[in-house]
């Protein structure tokens, strides 16, 4: 890997064409300048300077390196300036989240982000799924979290994480000791469903349709707009339901409900982060957009896939 200090020395020497003057400008000794240039030539496998009766001159290789060296130093300075400015970024960041799974991961991610950037106030208001895109376009939110892709050309998306959906039953249910059930067996049970706009409901119905089971075939006992309420209702013995594993994690751990695999159903969905494609740069939003997939957050984004 090329040492930027050697590149800086090369640039200065290319401008002065005098190692003594280069040493003076860089506050180095002349032997140090000579050593750095020689080492750089060895690393690049070419001669950069040649001496003649009229003094020091750049070789053809030195001439070719010159614009690249300037670009390297320019990019390095810009990178340092950007990273320094990030430490000072301040403002408000509003994130509209419409999916249950996002409500479990997003607050932890926001807390880590807040520690990294204490000058940014993060707000995560409640938002219906159909309002996320509208809030982004109207400037009510800087970022959104959704469980389906959007076709709006004014919005851009990145994958946030993958969410697993589980069929849960009461601990006393006859299926509780089963290793799995067939999709057709769901027709015998009282189902507790999410509301029509729910991403969980959409994924479940799409998978059931592959087995020729429609919403009309199911015995829908209740329809609830809150995953936590569904988990509690199932635990109390009123039916079975499909919910995000994140919402069911604690009751599953306690044993008040049991998760049962359904043969042939792939119950996993992508959760997306969304922002407005066209607009003025906004540092808090752009910093969070990049922070989502920072290496230190890999453990958090893997939790939904592993189960927590």
Protein backbone atom coordinates (compact mmCIF):
# COMPACT_ATOMS: atom_id res chain seq x y z
CA UNK A 1 0.00 0.00 0.00
CA UNK A 2 1.35 3.42 -0.98
CA UNK A 3 2.22 5.72 1.92
CA UNK A 4 0.57 9.13 1.50
CA UNK A 5 3.51 10.80 3.21
CA UNK A 6 5.78 9.58 0.40
CA UNK A 7 3.27 10.85 -2.15
CA UNK A 8 3.29 14.25 -0.46
CA UNK A 9 7.10 14.27 -0.55
CA UNK A 10 7.06 13.32 -4.23
CA UNK A 11 4.63 16.14 -5.08
CA UNK A 12 6.70 18.72 -3.25
CA UNK A 13 9.90 17.48 -4.92
CA UNK A 14 8.18 17.54 -8.32
CA UNK A 15 7.28 21.18 -7.77
CA UNK A 16 10.65 22.35 -6.38
CA UNK A 17 12.88 19.96 -8.34
CA UNK A 18 15.21 20.32 -5.38
CA UNK A 19 15.45 17.84 -2.49
CA UNK A 20 16.98 20.45 -0.16
CA UNK A 21 14.07 22.84 -0.75
CA UNK A 22 11.61 19.95 -0.38
CA UNK A 23 13.13 19.05 2.98
CA UNK A 24 12.85 22.67 4.12
CA UNK A 25 9.18 22.99 3.10
CA UNK A 26 8.19 19.68 4.68
CA UNK A 27 10.33 20.18 7.80
CA UNK A 28 12.30 17.04 7.07
CA UNK A 29 16.00 16.30 6.66
CA UNK A 30 17.38 15.96 3.15
CA UNK A 31 18.40 12.30 3.75
CA UNK A 32 14.80 11.58 4.80
CA UNK A 33 13.47 13.11 1.58
CA UNK A 34 15.96 11.13 -0.51
CA UNK A 35 15.07 7.92 1.35
CA UNK A 36 11.31 8.43 0.88
CA UNK A 37 11.71 9.06 -2.85
CA UNK A 38 13.97 6.04 -3.25
CA UNK A 39 11.54 3.82 -1.31
CA UNK A 40 8.60 5.07 -3.39
CA UNK A 41 10.52 4.28 -6.59
CA UNK A 42 11.21 0.76 -5.29
CA UNK A 43 7.56 0.21 -4.39
CA UNK A 44 6.39 1.41 -7.82
CA UNK A 45 9.20 -0.35 -9.69
CA UNK A 46 10.24 2.72 -11.65
CA UNK A 47 12.53 5.78 -11.52
CA UNK A 48 10.71 9.06 -10.83
CA UNK A 49 13.57 11.59 -10.90
CA UNK A 50 16.84 11.79 -12.82
CA UNK A 51 19.80 14.08 -12.28
CA UNK A 52 21.59 15.92 -15.05
CA UNK A 53 23.99 18.79 -15.36
CA UNK A 54 21.10 21.23 -15.27
CA UNK A 55 19.62 19.76 -12.09
CA UNK A 56 16.74 17.44 -11.10
CA UNK A 57 14.08 16.40 -13.63
CA UNK A 58 10.95 14.23 -13.61
CA UNK A 59 11.21 11.07 -15.70
CA UNK A 60 8.33 9.96 -17.92
CA UNK A 61 7.14 7.77 -15.04
CA UNK A 62 7.29 10.76 -12.71
CA UNK A 63 5.21 12.81 -15.15
CA UNK A 64 2.60 10.03 -15.32
CA UNK A 65 2.46 9.75 -11.53
CA UNK A 66 2.03 13.49 -10.98
CA UNK A 67 -1.76 13.86 -11.68
CA UNK A 68 -2.53 10.63 -9.80
CA UNK A 69 -0.53 11.82 -6.81
CA UNK A 70 -2.40 15.12 -6.78
CA UNK A 71 -5.71 13.29 -6.93
CA UNK A 72 -4.71 10.98 -4.08
CA UNK A 73 -3.80 13.90 -1.84
CA UNK A 74 -6.98 15.77 -2.82
CA UNK A 75 -9.20 12.76 -2.07
CA UNK A 76 -7.39 12.15 1.20
CA UNK A 77 -7.98 15.74 2.30
CA UNK A 78 -11.66 15.54 1.34
CA UNK A 79 -12.07 12.27 3.24
CA UNK A 80 -10.52 13.71 6.38
CA UNK A 81 -12.69 16.82 6.12
CA UNK A 82 -15.84 14.74 5.67
CA UNK A 83 -15.12 12.47 8.62
CA UNK A 84 -14.27 15.43 10.83
CA UNK A 85 -17.47 17.22 9.88
CA UNK A 86 -19.54 14.13 10.67
CA UNK A 87 -18.49 14.41 14.29
CA UNK A 88 -20.03 17.87 14.35
CA UNK A 89 -23.24 17.10 12.44
CA UNK A 90 -26.38 18.18 14.27
CA UNK A 91 -30.10 18.49 13.64
CA UNK A 92 -33.29 16.46 13.79
CA UNK A 93 -33.84 13.11 12.10
CA UNK A 94 -37.41 11.83 11.68
CA UNK A 95 -37.84 8.18 10.66
CA UNK A 96 -41.32 6.93 9.74
CA UNK A 97 -41.64 3.22 10.55
CA UNK A 98 -44.70 1.26 9.48
CA UNK A 99 -43.62 -2.32 10.13
CA UNK A 100 -43.63 -4.21 13.42
CA UNK A 101 -40.26 -5.82 12.78
CA UNK A 102 -38.71 -2.41 12.15
CA UNK A 103 -40.01 -1.16 15.49
CA UNK A 104 -37.87 -3.76 17.25
CA UNK A 105 -34.61 -3.20 15.33
CA UNK A 106 -34.85 0.51 14.55
CA UNK A 107 -34.82 1.88 18.14
CA UNK A 108 -31.64 -0.04 18.99
CA UNK A 109 -29.98 1.17 15.80
CA UNK A 110 -31.13 4.74 16.52
CA UNK A 111 -29.67 4.52 20.04
CA UNK A 112 -26.29 3.48 18.68
CA UNK A 113 -26.47 6.27 16.10
CA UNK A 114 -27.33 8.80 18.82
CA UNK A 115 -24.23 7.79 20.79
CA UNK A 116 -22.09 8.19 17.66
CA UNK A 117 -23.69 11.56 16.77
CA UNK A 118 -24.90 13.20 20.00
CA UNK A 119 -25.86 16.39 18.16
CA UNK A 120 -28.63 14.63 16.22
CA UNK A 121 -32.09 14.28 17.78
CA UNK A 122 -33.80 11.13 16.47
CA UNK A 123 -37.59 10.84 16.39
CA UNK A 124 -39.49 7.74 15.29
CA UNK A 125 -43.20 8.69 15.04
CA UNK A 126 -45.98 6.13 14.60
CA UNK A 127 -46.93 5.82 10.93
CA UNK A 128 -49.40 3.77 8.91
CA UNK A 129 -47.82 1.83 6.05
CA UNK A 130 -49.71 3.78 3.39
CA UNK A 131 -48.37 7.07 4.78
CA UNK A 132 -44.64 6.37 4.76
CA UNK A 133 -44.06 7.33 1.11
CA UNK A 134 -46.30 10.38 1.43
CA UNK A 135 -44.47 11.59 4.54
CA UNK A 136 -41.14 11.23 2.75
CA UNK A 137 -42.31 13.11 -0.35
CA UNK A 138 -43.90 15.90 1.68
CA UNK A 139 -40.89 16.29 3.96
CA UNK A 140 -42.64 15.09 7.12
CA UNK A 141 -40.03 12.34 7.48
CA UNK A 142 -36.40 12.11 6.40
CA UNK A 143 -36.31 8.30 6.23
CA UNK A 144 -38.89 5.54 6.15
CA UNK A 145 -38.94 1.84 7.02
CA UNK A 146 -41.26 -0.34 4.92
CA UNK A 147 -41.93 -4.02 4.35
CA UNK A 148 -42.42 -3.81 0.59
CA UNK A 149 -40.70 -2.22 -2.37
CA UNK A 150 -42.00 1.02 -3.81
CA UNK A 151 -42.33 1.80 -7.51
CA UNK A 152 -42.21 5.56 -6.91
CA UNK A 153 -39.30 6.93 -8.97
CA UNK A 154 -38.93 9.79 -6.48
CA UNK A 155 -37.86 7.38 -3.73
CA UNK A 156 -34.80 5.17 -3.38
CA UNK A 157 -34.50 2.09 -1.21
CA UNK A 158 -31.87 -0.06 0.42
CA UNK A 159 -32.37 -3.41 2.14
CA UNK A 160 -32.50 -2.97 5.90
CA UNK A 161 -32.80 -6.58 7.16
CA UNK A 162 -34.74 -9.81 6.66
CA UNK A 163 -37.67 -10.60 8.93
CA UNK A 164 -38.94 -14.12 9.70
CA UNK A 165 -42.66 -14.74 10.17
CA UNK A 166 -43.80 -17.54 12.48
CA UNK A 167 -47.07 -19.38 13.04
CA UNK A 168 -47.73 -19.20 16.78
CA UNK A 169 -50.18 -21.26 18.84
CA UNK A 170 -51.05 -21.33 22.58
CA UNK A 171 -48.81 -23.54 24.73
CA UNK A 172 -51.78 -25.86 25.40
CA UNK A 173 -52.70 -26.21 21.71
CA UNK A 174 -52.79 -29.70 20.20
CA UNK A 175 -50.13 -28.65 17.69
CA UNK A 176 -47.71 -27.49 20.39
CA UNK A 177 -45.82 -30.79 20.41
CA UNK A 178 -45.81 -31.16 16.62
CA UNK A 179 -42.67 -30.65 14.55
CA UNK A 180 -44.70 -29.09 11.73
CA UNK A 181 -48.17 -28.92 10.17
CA UNK A 182 -49.52 -28.99 6.63
CA UNK A 183 -51.02 -25.75 5.19
CA UNK A 184 -54.44 -27.40 4.82
CA UNK A 185 -54.61 -27.92 8.60
CA UNK A 186 -54.90 -24.14 9.03
CA UNK A 187 -58.45 -24.36 7.66
CA UNK A 188 -59.54 -26.07 10.89
CA UNK A 189 -58.39 -23.27 13.16
CA UNK A 190 -59.60 -19.87 14.30
CA UNK A 191 -57.13 -17.43 12.71
CA UNK A 192 -56.18 -14.07 14.13
CA UNK A 193 -55.05 -11.88 11.24
CA UNK A 194 -53.29 -8.56 10.80
CA UNK A 195 -55.08 -5.68 9.05
CA UNK A 196 -55.29 -5.63 5.21
CA UNK A 197 -52.36 -3.20 4.79
CA UNK A 198 -49.99 -5.34 6.89
CA UNK A 199 -46.83 -6.67 5.26
CA UNK A 200 -47.05 -9.82 7.38
CA UNK A 201 -50.55 -10.52 6.11
CA UNK A 202 -49.48 -9.94 2.49
CA UNK A 203 -46.57 -12.41 2.74
CA UNK A 204 -48.70 -15.07 4.47
CA UNK A 205 -51.51 -14.85 1.90
CA UNK A 206 -49.04 -14.97 -0.99
CA UNK A 207 -47.51 -18.16 0.42
CA UNK A 208 -50.87 -19.76 1.18
CA UNK A 209 -52.02 -19.00 -2.38
CA UNK A 210 -49.28 -21.37 -3.60
CA UNK A 211 -51.25 -24.09 -1.81
CA UNK A 212 -54.61 -22.95 -3.21
CA UNK A 213 -55.66 -21.38 0.10
CA UNK A 214 -57.22 -17.91 -0.01
CA UNK A 215 -58.32 -15.52 2.70
CA UNK A 216 -61.90 -16.62 2.16
CA UNK A 217 -60.94 -20.22 2.96
CA UNK A 218 -59.62 -19.26 6.40
CA UNK A 219 -61.72 -19.00 9.54
CA UNK A 220 -60.75 -15.44 10.53
CA UNK A 221 -61.78 -15.08 14.16
CA UNK A 222 -60.31 -11.61 14.76
CA UNK A 223 -58.46 -8.97 12.77
CA UNK A 224 -56.06 -6.84 14.82
CA UNK A 225 -53.76 -4.00 13.81
CA UNK A 226 -51.08 -4.65 16.40
CA UNK A 227 -48.70 -7.62 16.48
CA UNK A 228 -48.22 -7.49 20.24
CA UNK A 229 -52.01 -7.63 20.74
CA UNK A 230 -52.18 -10.66 18.45
CA UNK A 231 -49.45 -12.45 20.41
CA UNK A 232 -51.29 -11.80 23.67
CA UNK A 233 -54.60 -13.00 22.23
CA UNK A 234 -53.01 -16.21 20.97
CA UNK A 235 -51.34 -16.78 24.34
CA UNK A 236 -54.79 -16.46 25.97
CA UNK A 237 -56.04 -19.32 23.80
CA UNK A 238 -58.30 -17.55 21.29
CA UNK A 239 -56.70 -18.78 18.08
CA UNK A 240 -53.50 -19.11 16.07
CA UNK A 241 -51.69 -16.43 14.08
CA UNK A 242 -48.77 -15.50 11.87
CA UNK A 243 -46.55 -12.78 13.34
CA UNK A 244 -43.02 -11.43 13.06
CA UNK A 245 -40.69 -13.55 15.17
CA UNK A 246 -39.40 -10.32 16.70
CA UNK A 247 -42.83 -9.54 18.13
CA UNK A 248 -43.17 -13.08 19.50
CA UNK A 249 -39.63 -13.49 20.86
CA UNK A 250 -40.28 -12.86 24.56
CA UNK A 251 -43.50 -14.95 24.87
CA UNK A 252 -41.77 -17.75 22.92
CA UNK A 253 -38.90 -17.64 25.38
CA UNK A 254 -41.30 -17.76 28.33
CA UNK A 255 -43.22 -20.64 26.77
CA UNK A 256 -46.67 -19.01 26.75
CA UNK A 257 -46.83 -19.60 22.99
CA UNK A 258 -45.16 -22.09 20.65
CA UNK A 259 -43.93 -21.54 17.07
CA UNK A 260 -44.91 -24.28 14.59
CA UNK A 261 -43.34 -24.59 11.10
CA UNK A 262 -45.81 -24.89 8.20
CA UNK A 263 -44.64 -27.26 5.47
CA UNK A 264 -43.97 -25.58 2.13
CA UNK A 265 -44.30 -21.99 3.36
CA UNK A 266 -41.35 -19.62 3.00
CA UNK A 267 -42.24 -16.98 5.53
CA UNK A 268 -39.50 -14.42 5.24
CA UNK A 269 -39.69 -10.87 3.98
CA UNK A 270 -37.32 -8.01 3.27
CA UNK A 271 -37.54 -4.82 5.30
CA UNK A 272 -36.43 -1.71 3.44
CA UNK A 273 -35.15 1.72 4.37
CA UNK A 274 -36.36 4.47 2.05
CA UNK A 275 -35.47 8.10 1.39
CA UNK A 276 -36.36 10.79 -1.11
CA UNK A 277 -34.22 10.45 -4.22
CA UNK A 278 -34.06 14.10 -5.25
CA UNK A 279 -33.45 16.90 -2.80
CA UNK A 280 -30.91 18.94 -0.94
CA UNK A 281 -28.24 17.01 0.99
CA UNK A 282 -29.21 16.62 4.64
CA UNK A 283 -26.39 15.44 6.85
CA UNK A 284 -28.37 13.67 9.65
CA UNK A 285 -30.36 11.66 7.10
CA UNK A 286 -27.37 10.78 4.93
CA UNK A 287 -25.26 9.86 7.96
CA UNK A 288 -27.94 7.43 9.21
CA UNK A 289 -28.39 5.96 5.70
CA UNK A 290 -24.71 5.02 5.69
CA UNK A 291 -24.65 4.04 9.37
CA UNK A 292 -27.29 1.31 8.89
CA UNK A 293 -24.84 -1.17 7.39
CA UNK A 294 -21.73 -0.12 9.28
CA UNK A 295 -19.79 -3.26 10.37
CA UNK A 296 -20.49 -2.62 14.06
CA UNK A 297 -24.24 -3.02 13.42
CA UNK A 298 -24.04 -6.44 11.73
CA UNK A 299 -24.99 -8.18 14.98
CA UNK A 300 -28.17 -6.13 15.27
CA UNK A 301 -29.32 -6.67 11.68
CA UNK A 302 -28.70 -10.42 11.94
CA UNK A 303 -30.99 -10.83 14.97
CA UNK A 304 -34.26 -11.15 13.00
CA UNK A 305 -32.79 -13.93 10.86
CA UNK A 306 -31.42 -15.84 13.83
CA UNK A 307 -34.41 -15.25 16.08
CA UNK A 308 -34.09 -13.34 19.37
